[in-house]
Amino acid sequence: MVTLALVAGLLGGGAGAAVVTALDDERGTAPAESSLDQPPAAEAGDSGQTAADLSSIDDVAAEVLPSVVSIAVGRGAGSGVIISSDGQILTNNHVVESGGPITVTFHDGATVRAEVLGTDRLTDLAVIQAQDVDRLTPAELGDSEDLQVGEQVVAIGSPFGLEGTVTAGIVSAVHRPVTAGGDFGTPTVIDAIQTDAPINPGNSGGPLVNMAGQVVGINSVIYSSTGSSVGLGFAIPIDQARWIAEQLVESGTAEHARIGVSIETAQGNVRGVLITAVQPGSGAAEAGLQEGDVVTKVNDRPITDGLALVAAARSFRPGETIAVTYVRAGETHTAEVTLGSDDSAG
């Protein structure tokens, strides 16, 4: 029997499998421009095609490659996305978490040192600051909620150290709950975009982009028995990554939405998640959820196990309200739950 594993797409030291259970020479002459200051670039219509689609994959590559970097940390390597003209770069936490010296190589070959601005293990995201750079090209951030299954996407990064590699595929699924990194405390849980675009070790932190050249995800893990691509790659949706990046730039840390319940997978005729405890004062408590309730949906999304519920909750922001469908004593109910924060009692 072959055991499949989620592999963090990092090359070199610190890489490995996590089993599923989961230049400008003139500086200071121009104001900094940040992707995070711009509203999400929306797609148009229901077909998944954008109003400003580029004509081909090579057009997409030409548009996005100047905003993608290669990152070296000790013996490891990964990728990143430029999000500000003065050198803020969005990447994966597992790319930089070893704590070693960080070197960033840009598309034009220039290489500089970088420092960590903030990291978030729960979502596997980090923001680093490249030193002594100016007038970089920030990537355009799209809207991952508009993604359609079957839509064409492009992955860009440095697999196995091959900088500026471009691969293409489709969106295979959305809202795919995956987990990785459980050997070192609380595991990363991703409400992932699944793609068959080839993603390999070294792609971690690089962008998944739509055919308008907009970043819709941050490539993070692959599902593989060999450590290389088998057509099952997973990216962190940019809607979630953007929110986390904003916090990391601001404070170096991030908060996450929480419902306020303890759970386990339900046994019996109802497929869902059994609530085993409700935290007093939490959004769940205020909405009337009780121990023994079986959660079956969040909004329109089916919830079949605890991982799916955690991933669904973390895809929202604290303070947002979600519809939780649950079964109590054989009857189905829906409660409006205002999400709390893991930085507070609620």
Protein backbone atom coordinates (compact mmCIF):
# COMPACT_ATOMS: atom_id res chain seq x y z
CA MET A 1 0.00 0.00 0.00
CA VAL A 2 1.34 3.42 -0.94
CA THR A 3 0.82 6.17 1.62
CA LEU A 4 0.07 9.47 -0.08
CA ALA A 5 1.24 12.64 1.61
CA LEU A 6 0.85 16.38 1.43
CA VAL A 7 4.28 17.75 0.61
CA ALA A 8 5.19 21.33 1.41
CA GLY A 9 6.66 22.65 -1.83
CA LEU A 10 10.04 23.58 -0.36
CA LEU A 11 13.35 22.51 -1.86
CA GLY A 12 16.34 21.45 0.26
CA GLY A 13 16.86 21.46 4.02
CA GLY A 14 13.68 21.41 6.03
CA ALA A 15 11.63 19.95 3.20
CA GLY A 16 9.69 16.73 3.45
CA ALA A 17 6.27 15.20 3.60
CA ALA A 18 3.47 16.02 6.00
CA VAL A 19 1.00 13.15 6.10
CA VAL A 20 -2.59 14.17 5.57
CA THR A 21 -4.47 14.23 8.94
CA ALA A 22 -3.29 17.59 6.50
CA LEU A 23 15.93 47.87 -8.69
CA ASP A 24 16.28 50.15 -9.06
CA ASP A 25 19.59 51.80 -8.01
CA GLU A 26 17.85 55.07 -7.22
CA ARG A 27 16.05 54.63 -3.90
CA GLY A 28 13.49 56.75 -2.15
CA THR A 29 12.50 58.64 -5.30
CA ALA A 30 8.99 57.22 -5.70
CA PRO A 31 6.14 56.57 -3.24
CA ALA A 32 5.65 52.92 -2.38
CA GLU A 33 2.84 51.13 -4.19
CA SER A 34 1.19 48.11 -2.55
CA SER A 35 -1.09 45.42 -3.91
CA LEU A 36 -2.77 45.37 -0.50
CA ASP A 37 -3.92 48.98 -0.95
CA GLN A 38 -5.85 48.12 -4.11
CA PRO A 39 -9.35 46.57 -4.14
CA PRO A 40 -9.52 42.96 -5.39
CA ALA A 41 -9.45 42.80 -9.18
CA ALA A 42 -12.86 41.31 -9.96
CA GLU A 43 -13.69 38.91 -12.72
CA ALA A 44 -16.78 39.45 -14.85
CA GLY A 45 -19.66 37.11 -15.57
CA ASP A 46 -20.42 33.56 -14.48
CA SER A 47 -18.25 31.72 -16.99
CA GLY A 48 -15.01 32.09 -15.05
CA GLN A 49 -13.52 34.14 -17.90
CA THR A 50 -12.35 37.64 -17.06
CA ALA A 51 -13.19 40.83 -18.84
CA ALA A 52 -9.49 41.48 -19.49
CA ASP A 53 -8.23 37.99 -20.33
CA LEU A 54 -4.78 37.95 -21.86
CA SER A 55 -4.64 36.10 -25.16
CA SER A 56 -2.31 33.28 -24.16
CA ILE A 57 -0.27 31.69 -21.39
CA ASP A 58 2.87 33.45 -22.64
CA ASP A 59 1.04 36.78 -22.24
CA VAL A 60 0.16 35.83 -18.67
CA ALA A 61 3.76 34.82 -17.98
CA ALA A 62 5.13 38.08 -19.38
CA GLU A 63 2.68 40.02 -17.21
CA VAL A 64 3.37 38.20 -13.94
CA LEU A 65 7.02 37.04 -14.05
CA PRO A 66 8.45 40.46 -13.03
CA SER A 67 6.43 40.17 -9.80
CA VAL A 68 7.69 36.68 -8.83
CA VAL A 69 10.89 36.01 -6.89
CA SER A 70 13.01 33.07 -5.85
CA ILE A 71 13.74 32.79 -2.12
CA ALA A 72 16.73 30.99 -0.58
CA VAL A 73 16.82 30.26 3.17
CA GLY A 74 19.91 28.30 4.21
CA ARG A 75 19.86 25.12 2.13
CA GLY A 76 16.14 25.50 1.37
CA ALA A 77 14.41 27.45 -1.34
CA GLY A 78 10.96 28.61 -2.34
CA SER A 79 9.15 31.35 -4.25
CA GLY A 80 7.34 34.57 -3.46
CA VAL A 81 5.07 37.29 -4.85
CA ILE A 82 6.01 40.98 -4.75
CA ILE A 83 3.19 42.91 -3.09
CA SER A 84 4.78 46.36 -2.75
CA SER A 85 7.14 48.42 -4.88
CA ASP A 86 9.51 48.81 -1.92
CA GLY A 87 10.06 45.08 -1.44
CA GLN A 88 7.31 43.43 0.60
CA ILE A 89 6.98 39.83 -0.57
CA LEU A 90 4.23 37.33 0.23
CA THR A 91 5.32 33.70 0.58
CA ASN A 92 4.71 30.58 2.67
CA ASN A 93 5.58 30.34 6.34
CA HIS A 94 7.30 26.99 5.76
CA VAL A 95 9.67 28.64 3.27
CA VAL A 96 11.12 30.99 5.91
CA GLU A 97 10.36 29.34 9.26
CA SER A 98 13.85 27.80 9.62
CA GLY A 99 15.07 31.25 10.65
CA GLY A 100 18.20 31.22 8.47
CA PRO A 101 19.48 34.15 6.38
CA ILE A 102 17.08 34.98 3.54
CA THR A 103 18.18 35.86 0.01
CA VAL A 104 15.76 37.02 -2.67
CA THR A 105 16.47 36.81 -6.40
CA PHE A 106 14.36 38.94 -8.74
CA HIS A 107 13.32 38.19 -12.31
CA ASP A 108 16.14 40.37 -13.68
CA GLY A 109 18.72 38.36 -11.71
CA ALA A 110 19.37 40.94 -8.98
CA THR A 111 19.86 39.38 -5.53
CA VAL A 112 19.35 41.05 -2.13
CA ARG A 113 18.92 40.05 1.49
CA ALA A 114 15.51 40.05 3.15
CA GLU A 115 14.05 40.00 6.66
CA VAL A 116 10.82 38.52 8.00
CA LEU A 117 8.03 41.01 8.69
CA GLY A 118 5.58 38.42 10.02
CA THR A 119 4.61 34.77 9.86
CA ASP A 120 1.45 32.76 10.43
CA ARG A 121 1.77 29.00 10.88
CA LEU A 122 -1.99 28.36 10.94
CA THR A 123 -2.39 29.52 7.33
CA ASP A 124 1.20 28.83 6.17
CA LEU A 125 1.73 32.45 5.13
CA ALA A 126 4.56 34.93 5.68
CA VAL A 127 5.58 38.39 4.51
CA ILE A 128 9.26 39.27 4.10
CA GLN A 129 10.93 42.60 3.34
CA ALA A 130 13.62 42.75 0.67
CA GLN A 131 16.35 45.20 1.62
CA ASP A 132 17.49 48.27 -0.33
CA VAL A 133 15.08 47.98 -3.27
CA ASP A 134 12.66 50.38 -4.90
CA ARG A 135 10.31 50.60 -7.88
CA LEU A 136 9.51 46.92 -8.01
CA THR A 137 6.39 45.69 -9.83
CA PRO A 138 3.70 44.52 -7.37
CA ALA A 139 1.46 41.72 -8.54
CA GLU A 140 -2.21 42.39 -9.17
CA LEU A 141 -4.35 40.49 -6.66
CA GLY A 142 -7.56 38.97 -7.96
CA ASP A 143 -10.69 37.60 -6.29
CA SER A 144 -10.50 33.88 -5.55
CA GLU A 145 -14.19 33.69 -4.70
CA ASP A 146 -14.92 34.15 -8.41
CA LEU A 147 -12.94 31.07 -9.46
CA GLN A 148 -14.82 28.43 -11.41
CA VAL A 149 -13.98 24.73 -11.53
CA GLY A 150 -12.43 24.09 -14.95
CA GLU A 151 -11.07 27.62 -15.30
CA GLN A 152 -7.53 27.81 -16.68
CA VAL A 153 -4.80 28.91 -14.27
CA VAL A 154 -1.02 29.33 -14.37
CA ALA A 155 1.52 28.56 -11.63
CA ILE A 156 4.83 30.46 -11.50
CA GLY A 157 7.80 29.78 -9.23
CA SER A 158 11.16 28.07 -8.81
CA PRO A 159 10.58 24.29 -8.68
CA PHE A 160 13.79 22.47 -7.79
CA GLY A 161 15.58 25.83 -8.00
CA LEU A 162 14.58 26.43 -11.65
CA GLU A 163 13.72 30.12 -11.40
CA GLY A 164 10.86 31.60 -13.39
CA THR A 165 9.23 28.29 -14.26
CA VAL A 166 5.72 28.58 -15.71
CA THR A 167 3.20 25.71 -15.72
CA ALA A 168 -0.47 25.66 -16.65
CA GLY A 169 -3.59 23.71 -15.74
CA ILE A 170 -7.12 24.20 -14.51
CA VAL A 171 -8.93 24.73 -11.24
CA SER A 172 -9.78 21.17 -10.25
CA ALA A 173 -11.81 22.07 -7.15
CA VAL A 174 -12.42 24.92 -4.73
CA HIS A 175 -12.93 24.90 -0.95
CA ARG A 176 -10.86 21.73 -0.64
CA PRO A 177 -9.89 21.33 3.05
CA VAL A 178 -6.30 20.13 3.43
CA THR A 179 -3.89 20.04 6.33
CA ALA A 180 -0.11 19.79 6.60
CA GLY A 181 2.65 20.36 9.11
CA GLY A 182 1.05 18.65 12.10
CA ASP A 183 4.38 17.37 13.44
CA PHE A 184 5.21 20.77 14.94
CA GLY A 185 2.24 21.89 16.99
CA THR A 186 -1.04 23.16 15.58
CA PRO A 187 -1.28 22.07 11.93
CA THR A 188 -1.80 24.34 8.96
CA VAL A 189 -5.37 24.08 7.67
CA ILE A 190 -6.09 25.45 4.20
CA ASP A 191 -9.45 26.06 2.53
CA ALA A 192 -7.61 25.30 -0.67
CA ILE A 193 -7.87 25.80 -4.39
CA GLN A 194 -7.01 22.46 -6.00
CA THR A 195 -5.22 22.56 -9.36
CA ASP A 196 -3.61 20.15 -11.79
CA ALA A 197 -1.05 22.78 -12.87
CA PRO A 198 2.28 21.06 -12.10
CA ILE A 199 3.61 22.26 -8.73
CA ASN A 200 6.83 20.85 -7.31
CA PRO A 201 9.23 21.46 -4.40
CA GLY A 202 10.42 25.06 -4.71
CA ASN A 203 7.05 26.35 -5.98
CA SER A 204 5.97 27.13 -2.42
CA GLY A 205 4.96 30.76 -1.97
CA GLY A 206 4.67 31.40 -5.69
CA PRO A 207 1.47 32.61 -7.32
CA LEU A 208 -1.40 30.76 -8.94
CA VAL A 209 -2.84 33.25 -11.44
CA ASN A 210 -5.88 33.46 -13.68
CA MET A 211 -5.83 34.27 -17.39
CA ALA A 212 -6.02 37.99 -16.62
CA GLY A 213 -2.66 37.77 -14.86
CA GLN A 214 -4.25 38.25 -11.42
CA VAL A 215 -2.98 36.30 -8.41
CA VAL A 216 -5.79 34.06 -7.16
CA GLY A 217 -3.79 31.78 -4.85
CA ILE A 218 -0.47 31.15 -3.13
CA ASN A 219 0.87 27.68 -3.95
CA SER A 220 1.54 25.75 -0.78
CA VAL A 221 1.38 21.93 -0.85
CA ILE A 222 1.07 18.96 -3.18
CA TYR A 223 -0.48 15.54 -2.71
CA SER A 224 2.12 12.98 -3.69
CA SER A 225 3.78 9.68 -2.87
CA THR A 226 7.03 10.71 -4.55
CA GLY A 227 7.63 14.30 -3.47
CA SER A 228 6.94 15.63 -6.97
CA SER A 229 3.83 16.64 -8.87
CA VAL A 230 1.14 14.09 -9.67
CA GLY A 231 -1.38 16.72 -10.70
CA LEU A 232 -2.78 17.36 -7.23
CA GLY A 233 -1.62 20.77 -6.04
CA PHE A 234 -3.18 23.11 -3.50
CA ALA A 235 -3.05 26.89 -3.18
CA ILE A 236 -4.16 29.25 -0.43
CA PRO A 237 -7.00 31.42 -1.83
CA ILE A 238 -5.86 35.01 -2.28
CA ASP A 239 -8.96 36.32 -0.47
CA GLN A 240 -7.66 34.67 2.71
CA ALA A 241 -3.99 35.34 1.97
CA ARG A 242 -4.64 39.04 1.45
CA TRP A 243 -6.32 39.41 4.83
CA ILE A 244 -3.50 37.58 6.60
CA ALA A 245 -0.82 39.55 4.71
CA GLU A 246 -2.40 42.85 5.72
CA GLN A 247 -2.13 41.83 9.37
CA LEU A 248 1.43 40.53 9.03
CA VAL A 249 2.55 43.80 7.46
CA GLU A 250 0.78 45.80 10.16
CA SER A 251 1.73 43.84 13.29
CA GLY A 252 3.76 40.74 12.40
CA THR A 253 1.00 38.40 13.60
CA ALA A 254 -2.49 37.42 12.48
CA GLU A 255 -5.84 36.56 14.04
CA HIS A 256 -8.26 33.99 12.68
CA ALA A 257 -12.00 33.50 12.78
CA ARG A 258 -13.46 30.92 15.14
CA ILE A 259 -16.93 29.59 15.85
CA GLY A 260 -16.29 28.74 19.49
CA VAL A 261 -16.97 24.99 19.67
CA SER A 262 -15.13 21.74 20.32
CA ILE A 263 -15.92 19.09 17.74
CA GLU A 264 -15.47 15.54 16.52
CA THR A 265 -16.70 13.70 13.45
CA ALA A 266 -20.29 12.58 13.95
CA GLN A 267 -21.13 8.88 14.10
CA GLY A 268 -24.48 7.54 12.98
CA ASN A 269 -26.96 8.37 10.28
CA VAL A 270 -26.21 12.09 10.02
CA ARG A 271 -23.02 12.96 8.18
CA GLY A 272 -21.41 15.98 9.77
CA VAL A 273 -19.51 17.28 12.80
CA LEU A 274 -20.67 16.66 16.37
CA ILE A 275 -20.37 19.60 18.78
CA THR A 276 -18.90 18.25 22.02
CA ALA A 277 -18.66 21.60 23.84
CA VAL A 278 -19.63 25.23 23.29
CA GLN A 279 -17.44 28.02 24.67
CA PRO A 280 -19.44 30.46 26.82
CA GLY A 281 -19.69 33.90 25.23
CA SER A 282 -18.65 32.64 21.81
CA GLY A 283 -20.49 33.26 18.57
CA ALA A 284 -21.78 29.70 18.71
CA ALA A 285 -23.17 30.17 22.20
CA GLU A 286 -24.88 33.43 21.29
CA ALA A 287 -26.44 31.76 18.24
CA GLY A 288 -27.90 28.98 20.40
CA LEU A 289 -25.73 26.06 19.29
CA GLN A 290 -25.51 23.30 21.88
CA GLU A 291 -23.48 20.25 22.78
CA GLY A 292 -24.84 17.32 20.78
CA ASP A 293 -25.78 19.33 17.71
CA VAL A 294 -24.40 17.95 14.42
CA VAL A 295 -23.20 20.63 11.99
CA THR A 296 -23.87 19.69 8.36
CA LYS A 297 -23.31 22.95 6.45
CA VAL A 298 -21.62 26.35 6.62
CA ASN A 299 -23.55 28.62 4.27
CA ASP A 300 -24.02 26.35 1.23
CA ARG A 301 -20.90 24.27 1.86
CA PRO A 302 -21.38 20.68 3.13
CA ILE A 303 -19.43 19.88 6.29
CA THR A 304 -18.44 16.22 6.53
CA ASP A 305 -15.66 16.28 9.12
CA GLY A 306 -13.79 18.49 11.57
CA LEU A 307 -11.15 19.53 9.04
CA ALA A 308 -13.84 20.84 6.71
CA LEU A 309 -15.40 22.91 9.50
CA VAL A 310 -12.07 24.42 10.59
CA ALA A 311 -11.14 25.24 6.98
CA ALA A 312 -14.53 26.80 6.34
CA ALA A 313 -14.39 28.97 9.49
CA ARG A 314 -10.86 30.19 8.75
CA SER A 315 -11.86 31.24 5.25
CA PHE A 316 -13.86 34.08 6.85
CA ARG A 317 -12.79 37.06 8.97
CA PRO A 318 -13.62 37.66 12.62
CA GLY A 319 -16.87 39.59 12.88
CA GLU A 320 -18.41 38.10 9.74
CA THR A 321 -21.67 36.17 10.06
CA ILE A 322 -22.15 32.68 8.64
CA ALA A 323 -25.19 30.42 8.37
CA VAL A 324 -24.61 27.16 10.25
CA THR A 325 -26.98 24.30 9.44
CA TYR A 326 -27.23 21.64 12.15
CA VAL A 327 -29.31 18.69 13.21
CA ARG A 328 -30.74 18.48 16.75
CA ALA A 329 -32.96 15.60 17.86
CA GLY A 330 -33.53 14.61 14.24
CA GLU A 331 -34.64 18.07 13.09
CA THR A 332 -32.65 20.43 10.87
CA HIS A 333 -32.10 24.04 11.95
CA THR A 334 -30.04 27.00 10.78
CA ALA A 335 -28.31 29.50 13.06
CA GLU A 336 -26.64 32.80 12.16
CA VAL A 337 -23.23 32.73 13.88
CA THR A 338 -21.08 35.83 14.19
CA LEU A 339 -17.49 34.63 14.16
CA GLY A 340 -15.15 35.48 16.99
CA SER A 341 -11.39 35.71 16.97
CA ASP A 342 -8.70 33.45 18.34
CA ASP A 343 -7.19 36.64 19.79
CA SER A 344 -10.19 37.04 22.11
CA ALA A 345 -12.50 35.08 24.35
CA GLY A 346 -15.12 34.94 21.61
